[in-house]
């Protein structure tokens, strides 16, 4: 257990960010899970993700895609089809017991070799000011829709990942990287106002096929192993030095 404040609930953090006039523009629509809410979200969006409100590592996440009059449900590397009456019982087989769930709008994220990827952004506050400590891309393993390392996701340098999608000389690459820094700092400031005592944040963000940035999740007790793969060893050493100063 880390000595600084941690906020486990995804929904609670999302609600705080939704109230901010800028941050809300970067958030997929998110609601509490219920049968009615799921069907309503699937009328609005062709893909949704169902996530445990508390927990990480990609555990217990389900993906549902509407396919005409049927639904494609994916979890634990299984993909099954169901009609509306069959959908809820099917999904409950993949849900973790005794967990409350949220439903999040699915974003058509950019892909590398057909595999979705997202970015992990790290903020730390070793003293009086927040510091943007680094960012790294995570590319999903073949057959997976989550990018977590424990699910086979592979790290990649952010610039390289973005250039794979938009091209080496595309202005979108630098713009997205600058947006990541700006949104990370704003997120840290907004969440700290509501939750004094937080000292580290890991933001999972992604870009859609138009280059728009989306915030999928914010973790108040992020892990750092991904950053060991960055070519510059000073990045990881600085992260760990700041981490030790806040614990």
Protein backbone atom coordinates (compact mmCIF):
# COMPACT_ATOMS: atom_id res chain seq x y z
CA UNK A 1 0.00 0.00 0.00
CA UNK A 2 1.43 3.37 -0.98
CA UNK A 3 1.29 6.06 1.71
CA UNK A 4 -0.29 8.75 -0.45
CA UNK A 5 -3.97 9.00 -1.36
CA UNK A 6 -5.41 6.58 -3.91
CA UNK A 7 -8.81 6.59 -5.59
CA UNK A 8 -9.85 3.17 -6.83
CA UNK A 9 -13.23 3.96 -8.42
CA UNK A 10 -13.07 4.65 -12.14
CA UNK A 11 -16.56 6.14 -12.02
CA UNK A 12 -15.69 8.60 -9.26
CA UNK A 13 -12.64 9.94 -11.10
CA UNK A 14 -14.58 10.11 -14.36
CA UNK A 15 -17.40 12.12 -12.78
CA UNK A 16 -14.91 14.69 -11.50
CA UNK A 17 -13.33 15.05 -14.93
CA UNK A 18 -16.72 15.22 -16.64
CA UNK A 19 -17.47 18.41 -14.72
CA UNK A 20 -14.44 20.18 -16.21
CA UNK A 21 -15.27 22.05 -19.45
CA UNK A 22 -12.05 20.96 -21.20
CA UNK A 23 -11.45 17.47 -19.83
CA UNK A 24 -15.00 16.38 -20.60
CA UNK A 25 -14.21 16.74 -24.31
CA UNK A 26 -11.64 13.93 -24.01
CA UNK A 27 -13.83 11.42 -22.15
CA UNK A 28 -15.82 8.59 -23.73
CA UNK A 29 -19.38 8.45 -22.45
CA UNK A 30 -19.40 6.36 -19.26
CA UNK A 31 -22.36 5.10 -17.19
CA UNK A 32 -23.03 2.55 -14.47
CA UNK A 33 -23.73 -0.94 -15.75
CA UNK A 34 -27.29 -2.23 -15.85
CA UNK A 35 -29.23 -4.16 -18.45
CA UNK A 36 -31.20 -1.08 -19.51
CA UNK A 37 -28.08 1.09 -19.59
CA UNK A 38 -26.23 -1.46 -21.73
CA UNK A 39 -28.98 -1.68 -24.32
CA UNK A 40 -29.28 2.11 -24.40
CA UNK A 41 -25.52 2.51 -24.90
CA UNK A 42 -25.59 -0.07 -27.70
CA UNK A 43 -28.27 1.96 -29.43
CA UNK A 44 -25.93 4.96 -29.29
CA UNK A 45 -22.60 3.28 -30.04
CA UNK A 46 -21.69 0.24 -32.12
CA UNK A 47 -19.06 -0.85 -29.58
CA UNK A 48 -18.95 -0.57 -25.78
CA UNK A 49 -16.60 -1.81 -23.09
CA UNK A 50 -17.81 -3.14 -19.76
CA UNK A 51 -15.22 -2.70 -17.01
CA UNK A 52 -15.02 -3.36 -13.27
CA UNK A 53 -15.30 -0.03 -11.48
CA UNK A 54 -12.35 -1.02 -9.31
CA UNK A 55 -9.37 -3.07 -10.42
CA UNK A 56 -6.73 -3.02 -13.12
CA UNK A 57 -4.53 -5.11 -15.35
CA UNK A 58 -7.32 -5.56 -17.89
CA UNK A 59 -9.02 -8.15 -15.67
CA UNK A 60 -12.75 -8.61 -16.12
CA UNK A 61 -13.11 -6.31 -19.15
CA UNK A 62 -15.68 -7.26 -21.79
CA UNK A 63 -16.20 -5.86 -25.28
CA UNK A 64 -19.62 -5.83 -26.94
CA UNK A 65 -20.19 -4.94 -30.58
CA UNK A 66 -23.55 -4.69 -32.29
CA UNK A 67 -23.72 -6.73 -35.50
CA UNK A 68 -27.08 -6.09 -37.12
CA UNK A 69 -29.68 -7.78 -34.93
CA UNK A 70 -27.08 -9.71 -32.95
CA UNK A 71 -24.23 -8.88 -30.59
CA UNK A 72 -20.62 -10.01 -30.52
CA UNK A 73 -19.28 -10.38 -26.97
CA UNK A 74 -15.54 -10.77 -26.34
CA UNK A 75 -13.80 -11.59 -23.07
CA UNK A 76 -10.94 -13.85 -21.90
CA UNK A 77 -9.95 -14.41 -25.53
CA UNK A 78 -13.41 -15.83 -26.25
CA UNK A 79 -15.79 -14.38 -28.83
CA UNK A 80 -19.43 -15.41 -28.83
CA UNK A 81 -22.59 -14.18 -30.51
CA UNK A 82 -25.97 -13.60 -28.90
CA UNK A 83 -29.33 -12.03 -29.54
CA UNK A 84 -30.71 -9.43 -27.15
CA UNK A 85 -32.34 -11.99 -24.85
CA UNK A 86 -29.14 -14.05 -24.62
CA UNK A 87 -26.74 -11.14 -24.20
CA UNK A 88 -26.96 -10.38 -20.47
CA UNK A 89 -26.62 -14.03 -19.29
CA UNK A 90 -23.68 -14.42 -21.66
CA UNK A 91 -21.92 -11.32 -20.33
CA UNK A 92 -22.45 -12.32 -16.72
CA UNK A 93 -20.35 -15.42 -17.40
CA UNK A 94 -17.38 -13.17 -18.08
CA UNK A 95 -17.85 -10.73 -15.20
CA UNK A 96 -15.84 -10.91 -12.01
CA UNK A 97 -17.93 -11.83 -8.96
CA UNK A 98 -18.88 -9.16 -6.43
CA UNK A 99 -17.70 -6.34 -8.67
CA UNK A 100 -19.66 -3.28 -9.71
CA UNK A 101 -19.26 -2.48 -13.41
CA UNK A 102 -19.29 0.56 -15.66
CA UNK A 103 -20.02 0.81 -19.39
CA UNK A 104 -17.74 2.93 -21.55
CA UNK A 105 -18.29 4.10 -25.11
CA UNK A 106 -16.03 2.17 -27.47
CA UNK A 107 -13.58 4.27 -29.46
CA UNK A 108 -12.35 3.16 -32.87
CA UNK A 109 -8.71 3.49 -31.88
CA UNK A 110 -5.78 3.73 -34.24
CA UNK A 111 -4.03 0.42 -34.87
CA UNK A 112 -0.56 -0.87 -35.65
CA UNK A 113 -0.58 -3.97 -37.86
CA UNK A 114 -4.26 -4.37 -37.06
CA UNK A 115 -3.66 -4.31 -33.30
CA UNK A 116 -5.09 -1.56 -31.08
CA UNK A 117 -2.65 0.55 -29.12
CA UNK A 118 -2.86 3.20 -26.46
CA UNK A 119 -0.47 5.42 -24.52
CA UNK A 120 0.48 5.39 -20.85
CA UNK A 121 1.27 8.88 -19.56
CA UNK A 122 2.88 9.32 -16.15
CA UNK A 123 2.51 12.30 -13.81
CA UNK A 124 4.34 12.60 -10.47
CA UNK A 125 4.39 15.19 -7.70
CA UNK A 126 7.60 14.74 -5.68
CA UNK A 127 7.37 18.26 -4.21
CA UNK A 128 5.09 21.23 -4.82
CA UNK A 129 4.65 20.80 -8.56
CA UNK A 130 3.40 18.09 -10.89
CA UNK A 131 5.97 16.72 -13.34
CA UNK A 132 5.27 14.95 -16.62
CA UNK A 133 7.62 12.00 -16.12
CA UNK A 134 7.17 10.11 -19.37
CA UNK A 135 4.97 8.37 -21.89
CA UNK A 136 5.07 5.04 -23.66
CA UNK A 137 2.85 3.22 -26.15
CA UNK A 138 1.29 -0.20 -25.46
CA UNK A 139 0.34 -2.39 -28.41
CA UNK A 140 -2.18 -5.19 -27.82
CA UNK A 141 -1.15 -8.78 -28.44
CA UNK A 142 -2.69 -10.53 -31.42
CA UNK A 143 -6.27 -11.49 -30.64
CA UNK A 144 -6.56 -9.17 -27.64
CA UNK A 145 -8.49 -5.91 -27.36
CA UNK A 146 -6.69 -4.75 -24.18
CA UNK A 147 -3.09 -3.52 -24.21
CA UNK A 148 -2.05 -4.44 -20.67
CA UNK A 149 1.37 -6.03 -20.34
CA UNK A 150 -0.06 -8.91 -18.29
CA UNK A 151 -2.31 -9.66 -21.30
CA UNK A 152 0.63 -9.78 -23.69
CA UNK A 153 0.75 -6.09 -24.63
CA UNK A 154 4.11 -4.86 -25.92
CA UNK A 155 5.72 -1.47 -25.17
CA UNK A 156 6.80 0.81 -27.99
CA UNK A 157 8.24 4.32 -28.13
CA UNK A 158 5.41 6.82 -28.52
CA UNK A 159 6.87 8.68 -31.48
CA UNK A 160 7.51 5.43 -33.32
CA UNK A 161 3.97 4.22 -32.65
CA UNK A 162 2.40 7.45 -33.85
CA UNK A 163 4.62 7.53 -36.94
CA UNK A 164 3.53 3.97 -37.76
CA UNK A 165 -0.03 5.30 -38.01
CA UNK A 166 0.27 8.84 -39.36
CA UNK A 167 3.64 8.82 -41.10
CA UNK A 168 7.08 10.08 -40.20
CA UNK A 169 6.59 13.69 -41.24
CA UNK A 170 2.96 14.08 -40.20
CA UNK A 171 2.21 17.15 -38.04
CA UNK A 172 -0.31 14.94 -36.20
CA UNK A 173 2.54 13.15 -34.43
CA UNK A 174 3.93 16.21 -32.67
CA UNK A 175 0.45 17.60 -32.01
CA UNK A 176 -0.69 14.41 -30.28
CA UNK A 177 2.47 14.29 -28.15
CA UNK A 178 1.97 17.91 -27.08
CA UNK A 179 -1.70 17.23 -26.34
CA UNK A 180 -0.66 14.31 -24.13
CA UNK A 181 1.49 16.57 -21.99
CA UNK A 182 -1.14 19.28 -21.78
CA UNK A 183 -4.01 16.93 -20.91
CA UNK A 184 -1.90 15.05 -18.36
CA UNK A 185 -1.07 18.23 -16.48
CA UNK A 186 -4.67 19.44 -16.56
CA UNK A 187 -5.95 16.06 -15.35
CA UNK A 188 -3.50 16.04 -12.45
CA UNK A 189 -4.50 19.55 -11.39
CA UNK A 190 -8.23 18.88 -11.64
CA UNK A 191 -8.13 15.57 -9.76
CA UNK A 192 -5.87 16.96 -7.05
CA UNK A 193 -8.36 19.75 -6.36
CA UNK A 194 -11.00 17.11 -5.63
CA UNK A 195 -8.68 14.52 -4.07
CA UNK A 196 -5.91 16.32 -2.14
CA UNK A 197 -3.02 14.01 -1.38
CA UNK A 198 -2.71 12.17 -4.68
CA UNK A 199 0.92 12.17 -5.82
CA UNK A 200 1.16 9.95 -8.91
CA UNK A 201 -1.12 9.39 -11.89
CA UNK A 202 -0.99 6.98 -14.80
CA UNK A 203 -3.26 8.03 -17.66
CA UNK A 204 -4.28 5.53 -20.31
CA UNK A 205 -5.18 7.48 -23.42
CA UNK A 206 -5.75 6.59 -27.04
CA UNK A 207 -6.25 8.23 -30.38
CA UNK A 208 -9.04 7.47 -32.77
CA UNK A 209 -8.50 7.15 -36.50
CA UNK A 210 -8.87 10.92 -36.86
CA UNK A 211 -6.12 11.63 -34.37
CA UNK A 212 -8.46 12.77 -31.60
CA UNK A 213 -7.20 12.06 -28.09
CA UNK A 214 -9.37 10.15 -25.60
CA UNK A 215 -8.79 9.49 -21.89
CA UNK A 216 -9.78 5.89 -21.11
CA UNK A 217 -8.66 5.60 -17.51
CA UNK A 218 -6.66 7.35 -14.78
CA UNK A 219 -4.83 5.29 -12.16
CA UNK A 220 -3.72 6.88 -8.87
CA UNK A 221 -1.23 4.08 -8.10
CA UNK A 222 0.46 3.47 -11.46
CA UNK A 223 3.11 0.88 -12.16
CA UNK A 224 6.38 1.78 -13.81
CA UNK A 225 7.88 -1.37 -15.36
CA UNK A 226 6.79 -0.37 -18.87
CA UNK A 227 9.12 2.61 -18.73
CA UNK A 228 12.16 0.37 -18.33
CA UNK A 229 11.85 -0.37 -22.05
CA UNK A 230 12.50 3.26 -23.02
CA UNK A 231 15.87 3.60 -24.75
CA UNK A 232 16.99 6.44 -22.48
CA UNK A 233 17.68 4.79 -19.08
CA UNK A 234 17.51 8.18 -17.35
CA UNK A 235 13.74 8.25 -17.83
CA UNK A 236 13.15 5.17 -15.68
CA UNK A 237 15.76 6.19 -13.12
CA UNK A 238 14.14 9.61 -12.73
CA UNK A 239 10.70 8.02 -12.37
CA UNK A 240 11.92 5.76 -9.59
CA UNK A 241 13.79 8.60 -7.87
CA UNK A 242 10.60 10.69 -7.81
CA UNK A 243 8.58 7.69 -6.69
CA UNK A 244 10.89 7.06 -3.74
CA UNK A 245 10.56 10.70 -2.71
CA UNK A 246 6.76 10.44 -2.42
CA UNK A 247 6.73 7.16 -0.49
